[in-house]
Amino acid sequence: MTHIRYEIVQHNGGWAYKLGDVFSETHPTHQGALDAAREAAARQSLSGETRPILYQDSAGRWHEETAQGTDRPEAEVEDDASDPLPPRTR
């Protein structure tokens, strides 16, 4: 089983979650990014349809594969970041 890790990080003046080198949208608060990462991780466990996928690798090459709907990764959220702003100043 594949294992993936979402990481909470500061990004573009706010907070985001990151998977590998890919960032999510920016959230204004640390908690918002953490909640979104937890939702994304939970969705990873849901079975889906077997279907073809097309993706680009880090070298810019395109690949086409068949993704099995039952082949789901084990996902976790890593949160070593801390929100430096107290709740009242947001």
N, C-alpha and C. Protein backbone atom coordinates (compact mmCIF):
# COMPACT_ATOMS: atom_id res chain seq x y z
N MET A 1 0.84 -1.17 0.00
CA MET A 1 0.00 0.00 0.00
C MET A 1 0.89 1.25 0.00
N THR A 2 0.53 2.19 -0.79
CA THR A 2 1.24 3.46 -0.87
C THR A 2 0.92 4.32 0.35
N HIS A 3 1.90 5.06 0.81
CA HIS A 3 1.72 5.95 1.96
C HIS A 3 1.97 7.38 1.50
N ILE A 4 1.05 8.29 1.80
CA ILE A 4 1.24 9.70 1.45
C ILE A 4 1.10 10.55 2.71
N ARG A 5 1.78 11.70 2.69
CA ARG A 5 1.78 12.58 3.86
C ARG A 5 1.49 14.01 3.42
N TYR A 6 0.43 14.57 3.98
CA TYR A 6 0.12 15.99 3.80
C TYR A 6 0.83 16.75 4.92
N GLU A 7 1.47 17.84 4.58
CA GLU A 7 2.22 18.63 5.56
C GLU A 7 1.63 20.04 5.62
N ILE A 8 1.42 20.57 6.82
CA ILE A 8 0.91 21.93 7.00
C ILE A 8 2.10 22.89 7.00
N VAL A 9 2.03 23.93 6.13
CA VAL A 9 3.14 24.87 5.99
C VAL A 9 2.60 26.30 5.80
N GLN A 10 3.45 27.28 6.11
CA GLN A 10 3.12 28.66 5.77
C GLN A 10 3.33 28.83 4.28
N HIS A 11 2.40 29.56 3.62
CA HIS A 11 2.47 29.69 2.17
C HIS A 11 1.70 30.93 1.72
N ASN A 12 2.34 31.76 0.91
CA ASN A 12 1.70 32.95 0.31
C ASN A 12 0.98 33.83 1.32
N GLY A 13 1.59 34.07 2.45
CA GLY A 13 0.99 34.95 3.45
C GLY A 13 -0.08 34.29 4.30
N GLY A 14 -0.24 32.99 4.18
CA GLY A 14 -1.23 32.27 4.96
C GLY A 14 -0.72 30.87 5.24
N TRP A 15 -1.62 29.91 5.17
CA TRP A 15 -1.30 28.51 5.46
C TRP A 15 -1.83 27.62 4.36
N ALA A 16 -1.13 26.54 4.10
CA ALA A 16 -1.55 25.57 3.09
C ALA A 16 -1.15 24.18 3.56
N TYR A 17 -1.68 23.19 2.87
CA TYR A 17 -1.13 21.85 3.05
C TYR A 17 -0.39 21.50 1.78
N LYS A 18 0.56 20.62 1.91
CA LYS A 18 1.45 20.30 0.81
C LYS A 18 1.56 18.78 0.71
N LEU A 19 1.53 18.28 -0.50
CA LEU A 19 1.75 16.87 -0.78
C LEU A 19 2.92 16.81 -1.76
N GLY A 20 4.07 16.34 -1.27
CA GLY A 20 5.28 16.39 -2.10
C GLY A 20 5.65 17.84 -2.32
N ASP A 21 5.74 18.26 -3.58
CA ASP A 21 6.08 19.65 -3.92
C ASP A 21 4.86 20.46 -4.33
N VAL A 22 3.66 19.91 -4.13
CA VAL A 22 2.43 20.57 -4.58
C VAL A 22 1.69 21.16 -3.39
N PHE A 23 1.36 22.46 -3.49
CA PHE A 23 0.65 23.17 -2.43
C PHE A 23 -0.85 23.21 -2.72
N SER A 24 -1.63 23.21 -1.65
CA SER A 24 -3.07 23.44 -1.78
C SER A 24 -3.30 24.93 -1.97
N GLU A 25 -4.57 25.31 -2.04
CA GLU A 25 -4.90 26.72 -1.99
C GLU A 25 -4.45 27.28 -0.65
N THR A 26 -4.27 28.58 -0.57
CA THR A 26 -3.84 29.22 0.67
C THR A 26 -5.05 29.49 1.55
N HIS A 27 -4.91 29.18 2.83
CA HIS A 27 -5.96 29.42 3.82
C HIS A 27 -5.49 30.53 4.75
N PRO A 28 -6.39 31.38 5.22
CA PRO A 28 -5.97 32.48 6.07
C PRO A 28 -5.47 32.04 7.45
N THR A 29 -5.90 30.85 7.90
CA THR A 29 -5.49 30.40 9.23
C THR A 29 -4.85 29.02 9.17
N HIS A 30 -4.03 28.76 10.16
CA HIS A 30 -3.41 27.45 10.33
C HIS A 30 -4.50 26.38 10.48
N GLN A 31 -5.51 26.67 11.30
CA GLN A 31 -6.58 25.69 11.53
C GLN A 31 -7.34 25.39 10.24
N GLY A 32 -7.55 26.40 9.41
CA GLY A 32 -8.23 26.18 8.13
C GLY A 32 -7.46 25.22 7.24
N ALA A 33 -6.14 25.40 7.18
CA ALA A 33 -5.30 24.51 6.37
C ALA A 33 -5.28 23.10 6.96
N LEU A 34 -5.23 23.00 8.28
CA LEU A 34 -5.24 21.70 8.94
C LEU A 34 -6.55 20.96 8.69
N ASP A 35 -7.67 21.65 8.81
CA ASP A 35 -8.97 21.03 8.54
C ASP A 35 -9.06 20.56 7.09
N ALA A 36 -8.59 21.39 6.15
CA ALA A 36 -8.63 21.02 4.73
C ALA A 36 -7.74 19.82 4.45
N ALA A 37 -6.57 19.75 5.08
CA ALA A 37 -5.67 18.61 4.90
C ALA A 37 -6.30 17.33 5.44
N ARG A 38 -6.96 17.44 6.59
CA ARG A 38 -7.62 16.26 7.15
C ARG A 38 -8.75 15.76 6.25
N GLU A 39 -9.48 16.70 5.64
CA GLU A 39 -10.54 16.31 4.70
C GLU A 39 -9.95 15.64 3.46
N ALA A 40 -8.86 16.19 2.94
CA ALA A 40 -8.20 15.60 1.77
C ALA A 40 -7.69 14.21 2.09
N ALA A 41 -7.10 14.02 3.26
CA ALA A 41 -6.59 12.71 3.66
C ALA A 41 -7.73 11.70 3.80
N ALA A 42 -8.85 12.14 4.35
CA ALA A 42 -10.00 11.24 4.50
C ALA A 42 -10.55 10.82 3.13
N ARG A 43 -10.58 11.74 2.18
CA ARG A 43 -11.07 11.41 0.83
C ARG A 43 -10.18 10.38 0.13
N GLN A 44 -8.90 10.34 0.50
CA GLN A 44 -7.98 9.39 -0.14
C GLN A 44 -8.38 7.94 0.12
N SER A 45 -9.07 7.67 1.21
CA SER A 45 -9.43 6.29 1.54
C SER A 45 -10.69 5.81 0.84
N LEU A 46 -11.39 6.71 0.16
CA LEU A 46 -12.64 6.34 -0.50
C LEU A 46 -12.37 5.63 -1.83
N SER A 47 -13.03 4.50 -2.01
CA SER A 47 -12.89 3.79 -3.29
C SER A 47 -13.60 4.57 -4.38
N GLY A 48 -13.13 4.40 -5.57
CA GLY A 48 -13.73 5.09 -6.71
C GLY A 48 -13.80 4.17 -7.91
N GLU A 49 -13.92 4.77 -9.06
CA GLU A 49 -13.99 4.01 -10.31
C GLU A 49 -12.58 3.73 -10.83
N THR A 50 -12.44 2.59 -11.50
CA THR A 50 -11.20 2.32 -12.23
C THR A 50 -11.28 3.13 -13.51
N ARG A 51 -10.27 3.95 -13.74
CA ARG A 51 -10.32 4.84 -14.92
C ARG A 51 -8.91 5.23 -15.35
N PRO A 52 -8.78 5.65 -16.59
CA PRO A 52 -7.47 6.12 -17.06
C PRO A 52 -7.16 7.49 -16.45
N ILE A 53 -5.89 7.71 -16.15
CA ILE A 53 -5.45 9.02 -15.66
C ILE A 53 -4.28 9.49 -16.51
N LEU A 54 -4.13 10.78 -16.61
CA LEU A 54 -3.04 11.41 -17.34
C LEU A 54 -2.36 12.36 -16.38
N TYR A 55 -1.02 12.27 -16.26
CA TYR A 55 -0.31 13.16 -15.35
C TYR A 55 1.05 13.52 -15.92
N GLN A 56 1.58 14.63 -15.43
CA GLN A 56 2.88 15.12 -15.87
C GLN A 56 3.88 14.93 -14.74
N ASP A 57 5.05 14.38 -15.03
CA ASP A 57 6.07 14.18 -13.99
C ASP A 57 6.92 15.44 -13.84
N SER A 58 7.85 15.41 -12.89
CA SER A 58 8.66 16.60 -12.59
C SER A 58 9.57 17.01 -13.74
N ALA A 59 9.82 16.10 -14.69
CA ALA A 59 10.65 16.43 -15.85
C ALA A 59 9.81 16.95 -17.02
N GLY A 60 8.50 17.06 -16.80
CA GLY A 60 7.63 17.59 -17.85
C GLY A 60 7.08 16.54 -18.80
N ARG A 61 7.37 15.27 -18.57
CA ARG A 61 6.85 14.20 -19.44
C ARG A 61 5.45 13.79 -19.00
N TRP A 62 4.60 13.51 -19.97
CA TRP A 62 3.24 13.07 -19.69
C TRP A 62 3.18 11.55 -19.68
N HIS A 63 2.35 11.03 -18.78
CA HIS A 63 2.16 9.59 -18.65
C HIS A 63 0.67 9.29 -18.59
N GLU A 64 0.28 8.17 -19.15
CA GLU A 64 -1.10 7.71 -19.06
C GLU A 64 -1.09 6.33 -18.41
N GLU A 65 -1.93 6.17 -17.39
CA GLU A 65 -2.02 4.90 -16.67
C GLU A 65 -3.48 4.62 -16.35
N THR A 66 -3.74 3.42 -15.90
CA THR A 66 -5.05 3.08 -15.40
C THR A 66 -4.99 3.05 -13.88
N ALA A 67 -5.84 3.82 -13.24
CA ALA A 67 -5.88 3.88 -11.78
C ALA A 67 -7.01 2.97 -11.31
N GLN A 68 -6.67 1.98 -10.51
CA GLN A 68 -7.68 1.07 -9.95
C GLN A 68 -8.45 1.80 -8.85
N GLY A 69 -9.73 1.76 -8.91
CA GLY A 69 -10.57 2.46 -7.95
C GLY A 69 -10.44 1.95 -6.52
N THR A 70 -9.95 0.73 -6.37
CA THR A 70 -9.81 0.17 -5.02
C THR A 70 -8.39 0.29 -4.48
N ASP A 71 -7.46 0.79 -5.28
CA ASP A 71 -6.07 0.92 -4.87
C ASP A 71 -5.87 2.29 -4.23
N ARG A 72 -6.16 2.38 -2.95
CA ARG A 72 -6.12 3.66 -2.25
C ARG A 72 -4.89 3.74 -1.35
N PRO A 73 -4.27 4.91 -1.25
CA PRO A 73 -3.09 5.07 -0.38
C PRO A 73 -3.49 5.21 1.08
N GLU A 74 -2.54 4.98 1.94
CA GLU A 74 -2.69 5.30 3.36
C GLU A 74 -2.24 6.75 3.50
N ALA A 75 -3.09 7.61 4.05
CA ALA A 75 -2.77 9.04 4.12
C ALA A 75 -2.69 9.51 5.56
N GLU A 76 -1.76 10.43 5.81
CA GLU A 76 -1.63 11.04 7.13
C GLU A 76 -1.40 12.54 6.97
N VAL A 77 -1.65 13.28 8.05
CA VAL A 77 -1.41 14.71 8.08
C VAL A 77 -0.33 14.98 9.11
N GLU A 78 0.73 15.66 8.68
CA GLU A 78 1.83 16.04 9.56
C GLU A 78 1.72 17.53 9.84
N ASP A 79 1.68 17.88 11.11
CA ASP A 79 1.53 19.29 11.49
C ASP A 79 2.59 19.65 12.52
N ASP A 80 3.78 20.01 12.05
CA ASP A 80 4.85 20.46 12.93
C ASP A 80 4.87 21.98 13.01
N ALA A 81 4.02 22.64 12.21
CA ALA A 81 3.97 24.10 12.18
C ALA A 81 3.11 24.58 13.34
N SER A 82 3.32 25.81 13.73
CA SER A 82 2.44 26.42 14.73
C SER A 82 2.03 27.78 14.22
N ASP A 83 0.83 28.16 14.56
CA ASP A 83 0.29 29.43 14.12
C ASP A 83 0.81 30.53 15.05
N PRO A 84 1.63 31.46 14.54
CA PRO A 84 2.20 32.49 15.40
C PRO A 84 1.21 33.56 15.84
N LEU A 85 0.05 33.63 15.20
CA LEU A 85 -0.91 34.68 15.53
C LEU A 85 -1.96 34.17 16.50
N PRO A 86 -2.21 34.90 17.59
CA PRO A 86 -3.28 34.50 18.48
C PRO A 86 -4.62 34.69 17.77
N PRO A 87 -5.67 33.96 18.15
CA PRO A 87 -6.97 34.02 17.45
C PRO A 87 -7.55 35.42 17.30
N ARG A 88 -7.33 36.34 18.25
CA ARG A 88 -7.94 37.66 18.20
C ARG A 88 -7.36 38.54 17.09
N THR A 89 -6.13 38.28 16.62
CA THR A 89 -5.50 39.19 15.65
C THR A 89 -5.73 38.76 14.21
N ARG A 90 -6.45 37.71 13.97
CA ARG A 90 -6.69 37.23 12.60
C ARG A 90 -7.81 37.99 11.95
